[in-house]
PDB file of N, CA and C in Angstrom:
ATOM      1  N   MET A   1     -84.836-160.990-135.662  1.00  0.00           N
ATOM      2  CA  MET A   1     -84.318-159.788-134.691  1.00  0.00           C
ATOM      3  C   MET A   1     -83.336-159.708-134.193  1.00  0.00           C
ATOM      4  N   ALA A   2     -82.526-161.110-133.646  1.00  0.00           N
ATOM      5  CA  ALA A   2     -81.015-160.880-133.756  1.00  0.00           C
ATOM      6  C   ALA A   2     -80.220-160.275-134.572  1.00  0.00           C
ATOM      7  N   LYS A   3     -80.431-160.738-135.905  1.00  0.00           N
ATOM      8  CA  LYS A   3     -79.748-160.118-137.305  1.00  0.00           C
ATOM      9  C   LYS A   3     -79.733-158.882-137.184  1.00  0.00           C
ATOM     10  N   GLU A   4     -80.739-158.162-137.150  1.00  0.00           N
ATOM     11  CA  GLU A   4     -80.797-156.765-137.539  1.00  0.00           C
ATOM     12  C   GLU A   4     -80.088-156.123-136.066  1.00  0.00           C
ATOM     13  N   SER A   5     -80.073-156.659-134.780  1.00  0.00           N
ATOM     14  CA  SER A   5     -79.737-156.009-134.073  1.00  0.00           C
ATOM     15  C   SER A   5     -77.702-156.028-133.845  1.00  0.00           C
ATOM     16  N   ARG A   6     -77.158-157.105-134.202  1.00  0.00           N
ATOM     17  CA  ARG A   6     -75.916-157.513-134.435  1.00  0.00           C
ATOM     18  C   ARG A   6     -75.425-157.251-136.182  1.00  0.00           C
ATOM     19  N   ALA A   7     -76.091-156.041-136.691  1.00  0.00           N
ATOM     20  CA  ALA A   7     -75.637-155.925-138.325  1.00  0.00           C
ATOM     21  C   ALA A   7     -74.620-155.261-137.838  1.00  0.00           C
ATOM     22  N   HIS A   8     -74.316-154.411-136.594  1.00  0.00           N
ATOM     23  CA  HIS A   8     -72.881-153.518-137.027  1.00  0.00           C
ATOM     24  C   HIS A   8     -71.654-154.171-136.405  1.00  0.00           C
ATOM     25  N   LEU A   9     -71.986-155.813-135.922  1.00  0.00           N
ATOM     26  CA  LEU A   9     -70.685-156.140-135.889  1.00  0.00           C
ATOM     27  C   LEU A   9     -69.629-156.629-136.731  1.00  0.00           C
ATOM     28  N   TYR A  10     -68.944-157.044-136.580  1.00  0.00           N
ATOM     29  CA  TYR A  10     -67.699-157.517-137.570  1.00  0.00           C
ATOM     30  C   TYR A  10     -68.058-159.196-138.022  1.00  0.00           C
ATOM     31  N   THR A  11     -68.287-159.445-139.147  1.00  0.00           N
ATOM     32  CA  THR A  11     -68.659-160.465-139.573  1.00  0.00           C
ATOM     33  C   THR A  11     -67.307-161.606-139.825  1.00  0.00           C
ATOM     34  N   GLY A  12     -66.299-160.776-140.243  1.00  0.00           N
ATOM     35  CA  GLY A  12     -65.237-161.764-140.860  1.00  0.00           C
ATOM     36  C   GLY A  12     -64.124-162.030-139.557  1.00  0.00           C
ATOM     37  N   MET A  13     -63.379-163.008-140.177  1.00  0.00           N
ATOM     38  CA  MET A  13     -62.188-163.186-139.053  1.00  0.00           C
ATOM     39  C   MET A  13     -61.148-162.309-138.457  1.00  0.00           C
ATOM     40  N   PRO A  14     -61.316-161.838-137.254  1.00  0.00           N
ATOM     41  CA  PRO A  14     -60.055-161.099-137.036  1.00  0.00           C
ATOM     42  C   PRO A  14     -58.764-161.181-137.060  1.00  0.00           C
ATOM     43  N   THR A  15     -57.934-160.949-137.525  1.00  0.00           N
ATOM     44  CA  THR A  15     -56.343-161.060-137.788  1.00  0.00           C
ATOM     45  C   THR A  15     -55.357-160.450-136.846  1.00  0.00           C
ATOM     46  N   ASN A  16     -55.857-159.698-135.660  1.00  0.00           N
ATOM     47  CA  ASN A  16     -54.958-159.996-134.773  1.00  0.00           C
ATOM     48  C   ASN A  16     -56.160-159.311-133.238  1.00  0.00           C
ATOM     49  N   LEU A  17     -55.206-159.670-132.156  1.00  0.00           N
ATOM     50  CA  LEU A  17     -55.681-159.572-131.131  1.00  0.00           C
ATOM     51  C   LEU A  17     -56.627-158.013-130.755  1.00  0.00           C
ATOM     52  N   THR A  18     -56.338-156.933-131.645  1.00  0.00           N
ATOM     53  CA  THR A  18     -57.061-155.482-131.344  1.00  0.00           C
ATOM     54  C   THR A  18     -58.181-155.806-131.839  1.00  0.00           C
ATOM     55  N   GLU A  19     -58.474-156.275-133.508  1.00  0.00           N
ATOM     56  CA  GLU A  19     -59.537-156.116-133.951  1.00  0.00           C
ATOM     57  C   GLU A  19     -60.517-157.572-133.040  1.00  0.00           C
ATOM     58  N   LEU A  20     -59.874-158.322-132.512  1.00  0.00           N
ATOM     59  CA  LEU A  20     -60.612-159.452-131.574  1.00  0.00           C
ATOM     60  C   LEU A  20     -61.414-158.857-130.401  1.00  0.00           C
ATOM     61  N   ARG A  21     -60.963-158.291-129.572  1.00  0.00           N
ATOM     62  CA  ARG A  21     -61.112-157.380-128.552  1.00  0.00           C
ATOM     63  C   ARG A  21     -62.366-156.234-129.067  1.00  0.00           C
ATOM     64  N   ASN A  22     -61.872-155.422-129.965  1.00  0.00           N
ATOM     65  CA  ASN A  22     -62.889-154.139-130.037  1.00  0.00           C
ATOM     66  C   ASN A  22     -64.308-154.857-130.764  1.00  0.00           C
ATOM     67  N   SER A  23     -64.047-155.938-132.013  1.00  0.00           N
ATOM     68  CA  SER A  23     -64.863-155.810-132.662  1.00  0.00           C
ATOM     69  C   SER A  23     -65.836-156.621-132.220  1.00  0.00           C
ATOM     70  N   ILE A  24     -65.479-157.837-131.520  1.00  0.00           N
ATOM     71  CA  ILE A  24     -66.627-158.699-130.835  1.00  0.00           C
ATOM     72  C   ILE A  24     -66.799-158.614-129.398  1.00  0.00           C
ATOM     73  N   TRP A  25     -65.589-158.611-128.520  1.00  0.00           N
ATOM     74  CA  TRP A  25     -65.843-158.096-127.123  1.00  0.00           C
ATOM     75  C   TRP A  25     -66.668-156.698-126.627  1.00  0.00           C
ATOM     76  N   LEU A  26     -66.088-155.761-126.991  1.00  0.00           N
ATOM     77  CA  LEU A  26     -66.373-154.305-126.448  1.00  0.00           C
ATOM     78  C   LEU A  26     -67.405-153.829-127.510  1.00  0.00           C
ATOM     79  N   SER A  27     -67.691-154.014-128.710  1.00  0.00           N
ATOM     80  CA  SER A  27     -68.911-153.912-129.058  1.00  0.00           C
ATOM     81  C   SER A  27     -70.079-154.392-129.099  1.00  0.00           C
ATOM     82  N   ASP A  28     -70.307-155.321-128.333  1.00  0.00           N
ATOM     83  CA  ASP A  28     -71.435-155.733-127.985  1.00  0.00           C
ATOM     84  C   ASP A  28     -71.962-155.450-126.256  1.00  0.00           C
ATOM     85  N   PRO A  29     -72.483-154.701-126.082  1.00  0.00           N
ATOM     86  CA  PRO A  29     -73.008-154.628-124.505  1.00  0.00           C
ATOM     87  C   PRO A  29     -73.095-155.709-123.883  1.00  0.00           C
ATOM     88  N   GLY A  30     -73.991-156.656-124.243  1.00  0.00           N
ATOM     89  CA  GLY A  30     -74.345-157.401-123.644  1.00  0.00           C
ATOM     90  C   GLY A  30     -72.943-158.527-122.947  1.00  0.00           C
ATOM     91  N   ALA A  31     -71.963-158.418-123.435  1.00  0.00           N
ATOM     92  CA  ALA A  31     -70.656-158.904-123.112  1.00  0.00           C
ATOM     93  C   ALA A  31     -70.223-158.281-122.036  1.00  0.00           C
ATOM     94  N   TYR A  32     -70.132-157.101-121.443  1.00  0.00           N
ATOM     95  CA  TYR A  32     -69.713-156.211-120.134  1.00  0.00           C
ATOM     96  C   TYR A  32     -70.312-157.173-118.904  1.00  0.00           C
ATOM     97  N   PRO A  33     -71.339-157.447-118.796  1.00  0.00           N
ATOM     98  CA  PRO A  33     -71.539-158.466-117.538  1.00  0.00           C
ATOM     99  C   PRO A  33     -70.462-159.602-117.495  1.00  0.00           C
ATOM    100  N   VAL A  34     -70.368-160.031-118.983  1.00  0.00           N
ATOM    101  CA  VAL A  34     -69.656-161.931-118.630  1.00  0.00           C
ATOM    102  C   VAL A  34     -67.866-160.720-118.470  1.00  0.00           C
ATOM    103  N   ILE A  35     -67.519-159.876-118.739  1.00  0.00           N
ATOM    104  CA  ILE A  35     -66.220-159.407-118.468  1.00  0.00           C
ATOM    105  C   ILE A  35     -66.552-159.085-116.972  1.00  0.00           C
ATOM    106  N   VAL A  36     -67.080-158.506-116.328  1.00  0.00           N
ATOM    107  CA  VAL A  36     -67.153-157.975-115.190  1.00  0.00           C
ATOM    108  C   VAL A  36     -67.129-159.288-114.050  1.00  0.00           C
ATOM    109  N   VAL A  37     -67.910-160.283-114.301  1.00  0.00           N
ATOM    110  CA  VAL A  37     -67.738-161.373-113.401  1.00  0.00           C
ATOM    111  C   VAL A  37     -66.931-162.236-113.578  1.00  0.00           C
ATOM    112  N   LEU A  38     -66.208-162.408-115.047  1.00  0.00           N
ATOM    113  CA  LEU A  38     -64.916-163.070-115.096  1.00  0.00           C
ATOM    114  C   LEU A  38     -63.475-162.301-114.510  1.00  0.00           C
ATOM    115  N   THR A  39     -63.710-161.173-114.422  1.00  0.00           N
ATOM    116  CA  THR A  39     -62.946-160.595-113.553  1.00  0.00           C
ATOM    117  C   THR A  39     -62.428-160.403-112.251  1.00  0.00           C
ATOM    118  N   PHE A  40     -64.075-160.705-111.678  1.00  0.00           N
ATOM    119  CA  PHE A  40     -64.339-160.442-109.871  1.00  0.00           C
ATOM    120  C   PHE A  40     -63.672-162.090-110.028  1.00  0.00           C
ATOM    121  N   ALA A  41     -64.105-162.901-110.769  1.00  0.00           N
ATOM    122  CA  ALA A  41     -63.975-164.074-110.135  1.00  0.00           C
ATOM    123  C   ALA A  41     -62.554-164.748-110.033  1.00  0.00           C
ATOM    124  N   CYS A  42     -61.784-163.881-111.107  1.00  0.00           N
ATOM    125  CA  CYS A  42     -60.128-164.391-111.671  1.00  0.00           C
ATOM    126  C   CYS A  42     -59.772-163.723-110.315  1.00  0.00           C
ATOM    127  N   GLY A  43     -59.934-162.320-109.919  1.00  0.00           N
ATOM    128  CA  GLY A  43     -59.371-161.599-108.978  1.00  0.00           C
ATOM    129  C   GLY A  43     -59.504-162.406-107.470  1.00  0.00           C
ATOM    130  N   PHE A  44     -61.222-163.056-107.167  1.00  0.00           N
ATOM    131  CA  PHE A  44     -61.490-163.768-105.867  1.00  0.00           C
ATOM    132  C   PHE A  44     -60.400-165.019-105.752  1.00  0.00           C
ATOM    133  N   ALA A  45     -60.490-165.862-106.627  1.00  0.00           N
ATOM    134  CA  ALA A  45     -59.677-167.008-106.901  1.00  0.00           C
ATOM    135  C   ALA A  45     -58.315-166.661-106.479  1.00  0.00           C
ATOM    136  N   GLY A  46     -57.701-165.393-107.591  1.00  0.00           N
ATOM    137  CA  GLY A  46     -56.023-165.524-107.342  1.00  0.00           C
ATOM    138  C   GLY A  46     -55.882-164.938-105.723  1.00  0.00           C
ATOM    139  N   SER A  47     -57.074-164.015-105.123  1.00  0.00           N
ATOM    140  CA  SER A  47     -56.521-163.575-103.766  1.00  0.00           C
ATOM    141  C   SER A  47     -56.597-164.972-103.065  1.00  0.00           C
ATOM    142  N   PHE A  48     -57.742-165.405-103.080  1.00  0.00           N
ATOM    143  CA  PHE A  48     -57.650-166.772-102.364  1.00  0.00           C
ATOM    144  C   PHE A  48     -56.894-167.934-102.437  1.00  0.00           C
ATOM    145  N   ILE A  49     -55.988-167.755-103.348  1.00  0.00           N
ATOM    146  CA  ILE A  49     -54.744-168.814-103.695  1.00  0.00           C
ATOM    147  C   ILE A  49     -53.641-168.463-102.792  1.00  0.00           C
ATOM    148  N   SER A  50     -53.472-166.995-103.023  1.00  0.00           N
ATOM    149  CA  SER A  50     -52.430-166.357-102.195  1.00  0.00           C
ATOM    150  C   SER A  50     -52.605-166.507-100.762  1.00  0.00           C
ATOM    151  N   TYR A  51     -53.800-165.753-100.253  1.00  0.00           N
ATOM    152  CA  TYR A  51     -54.054-166.480 -98.850  1.00  0.00           C
ATOM    153  C   TYR A  51     -53.741-167.483 -98.599  1.00  0.00           C
ATOM    154  N   CYS A  52     -54.223-168.392 -98.769  1.00  0.00           N
ATOM    155  CA  CYS A  52     -53.905-170.259 -98.328  1.00  0.00           C
ATOM    156  C   CYS A  52     -52.332-170.394 -98.717  1.00  0.00           C
ATOM    157  N   ALA A  53     -51.775-169.828 -99.560  1.00  0.00           N
ATOM    158  CA  ALA A  53     -50.376-170.130 -99.854  1.00  0.00           C
ATOM    159  C   ALA A  53     -49.313-169.550 -98.431  1.00  0.00           C
ATOM    160  N   PHE A  54     -49.788-168.268 -98.052  1.00  0.00           N
ATOM    161  CA  PHE A  54     -48.935-167.432 -97.154  1.00  0.00           C
ATOM    162  C   PHE A  54     -49.795-167.920 -96.096  1.00  0.00           C
ATOM    163  N   CYS A  55     -50.973-168.406 -95.662  1.00  0.00           N
ATOM    164  CA  CYS A  55     -51.283-168.413 -94.256  1.00  0.00           C
ATOM    165  C   CYS A  55     -51.823-169.556 -93.748  1.00  0.00           C
ATOM    166  N   ASN A  56     -51.506-170.736 -94.639  1.00  0.00           N
ATOM    167  CA  ASN A  56     -51.741-171.782 -94.527  1.00  0.00           C
ATOM    168  C   ASN A  56     -50.674-172.694 -93.539  1.00  0.00           C
ATOM    169  N   PRO A  57     -50.594-173.484 -92.654  1.00  0.00           N
ATOM    170  CA  PRO A  57     -49.826-173.721 -92.183  1.00  0.00           C
ATOM    171  C   PRO A  57     -49.333-175.281 -92.843  1.00  0.00           C
ATOM    172  N   ASP A  58     -50.253-175.420 -93.769  1.00  0.00           N
ATOM    173  CA  ASP A  58     -49.647-176.939 -93.992  1.00  0.00           C
ATOM    174  C   ASP A  58     -49.053-176.712 -95.359  1.00  0.00           C
ATOM    175  N   VAL A  59     -49.081-175.607 -96.060  1.00  0.00           N
ATOM    176  CA  VAL A  59     -48.685-175.162 -97.151  1.00  0.00           C
ATOM    177  C   VAL A  59     -47.050-174.946 -96.744  1.00  0.00           C
ATOM    178  N   ARG A  60     -45.778-175.690 -97.205  1.00  0.00           N
ATOM    179  CA  ARG A  60     -44.250-175.454 -96.790  1.00  0.00           C
ATOM    180  C   ARG A  60     -43.855-175.145 -98.367  1.00  0.00           C
ATOM    181  N   ILE A  61     -43.568-173.528 -98.727  1.00  0.00           N
ATOM    182  CA  ILE A  61     -42.722-173.107 -99.662  1.00  0.00           C
ATOM    183  C   ILE A  61     -41.355-173.119 -98.979  1.00  0.00           C
ATOM    184  N   THR A  62     -41.018-172.967 -97.909  1.00  0.00           N
ATOM    185  CA  THR A  62     -39.626-172.701 -97.669  1.00  0.00           C
ATOM    186  C   THR A  62     -38.487-174.202 -97.628  1.00  0.00           C
ATOM    187  N   PRO A  63     -37.758-174.168 -98.203  1.00  0.00           N
ATOM    188  CA  PRO A  63     -36.899-175.481 -98.692  1.00  0.00           C
ATOM    189  C   PRO A  63     -36.860-175.975 -97.267  1.00  0.00           C
ATOM    190  N   GLY A  64     -36.268-175.646 -96.194  1.00  0.00           N
ATOM    191  CA  GLY A  64     -35.926-176.007 -95.006  1.00  0.00           C
ATOM    192  C   GLY A  64     -36.969-176.675 -94.031  1.00  0.00           C
ATOM    193  N   ARG A  65     -38.579-176.103 -94.320  1.00  0.00           N
ATOM    194  CA  ARG A  65     -39.442-176.935 -93.763  1.00  0.00           C
ATOM    195  C   ARG A  65     -40.241-178.178 -94.441  1.00  0.00           C
ATOM    196  N   ARG A  66     -39.829-177.959 -95.918  1.00  0.00           N
ATOM    197  CA  ARG A  66     -40.741-179.081 -96.612  1.00  0.00           C
ATOM    198  C   ARG A  66     -40.484-180.534 -96.308  1.00  0.00           C
ATOM    199  N   GLN A  67     -38.881-181.053 -95.959  1.00  0.00           N
ATOM    200  CA  GLN A  67     -38.590-182.086 -95.546  1.00  0.00           C
ATOM    201  C   GLN A  67     -39.447-182.737 -94.187  1.00  0.00           C
ATOM    202  N   GLN A  68     -39.744-181.936 -93.103  1.00  0.00           N
ATOM    203  CA  GLN A  68     -40.194-182.226 -92.023  1.00  0.00           C
ATOM    204  C   GLN A  68     -41.409-182.881 -91.936  1.00  0.00           C
ATOM    205  N   LEU A  69     -41.717-183.770 -91.048  1.00  0.00           N
ATOM    206  CA  LEU A  69     -43.001-184.909 -91.234  1.00  0.00           C
ATOM    207  C   LEU A  69     -43.812-184.238 -89.862  1.00  0.00           C
ATOM    208  N   ILE A  70     -42.972-183.728 -88.780  1.00  0.00           N
ATOM    209  CA  ILE A  70     -43.762-182.928 -87.742  1.00  0.00           C
ATOM    210  C   ILE A  70     -43.473-181.478 -87.812  1.00  0.00           C
ATOM    211  N   ARG A  71     -45.057-181.063 -87.724  1.00  0.00           N
ATOM    212  CA  ARG A  71     -44.537-179.380 -87.684  1.00  0.00           C
ATOM    213  C   ARG A  71     -44.327-178.931 -86.469  1.00  0.00           C
ATOM    214  N   ASN A  72     -43.520-178.173 -86.343  1.00  0.00           N
ATOM    215  CA  ASN A  72     -42.663-178.082 -84.775  1.00  0.00           C
ATOM    216  C   ASN A  72     -42.656-176.440 -85.061  1.00  0.00           C
ATOM    217  N   TRP A  73     -43.608-175.562 -85.944  1.00  0.00           N
ATOM    218  CA  TRP A  73     -43.329-174.341 -86.027  1.00  0.00           C
ATOM    219  C   TRP A  73     -44.846-173.334 -85.909  1.00  0.00           C
ATOM    220  N   GLU A  74     -45.122-172.501 -85.449  1.00  0.00           N
ATOM    221  CA  GLU A  74     -46.164-171.945 -85.446  1.00  0.00           C
ATOM    222  C   GLU A  74     -46.402-170.642 -86.719  1.00  0.00           C
TER     223      GLU A  74
END
């Protein structure tokens, strides 16, 4: 049953990125939830890393604050 339902899919090796995207990922409707979940997870992780980097007082990005042992800023 699985062989018949995937008979329309590309069976050879893709030669470039466009063939890979179109023939493997976008031709199978079962891949759409995977793409949505991965996009959400990457967006959430990126936004959480950005939030922690800019709002956490323990993260010291500026060179003047990196060498201080005791935090005296707010």
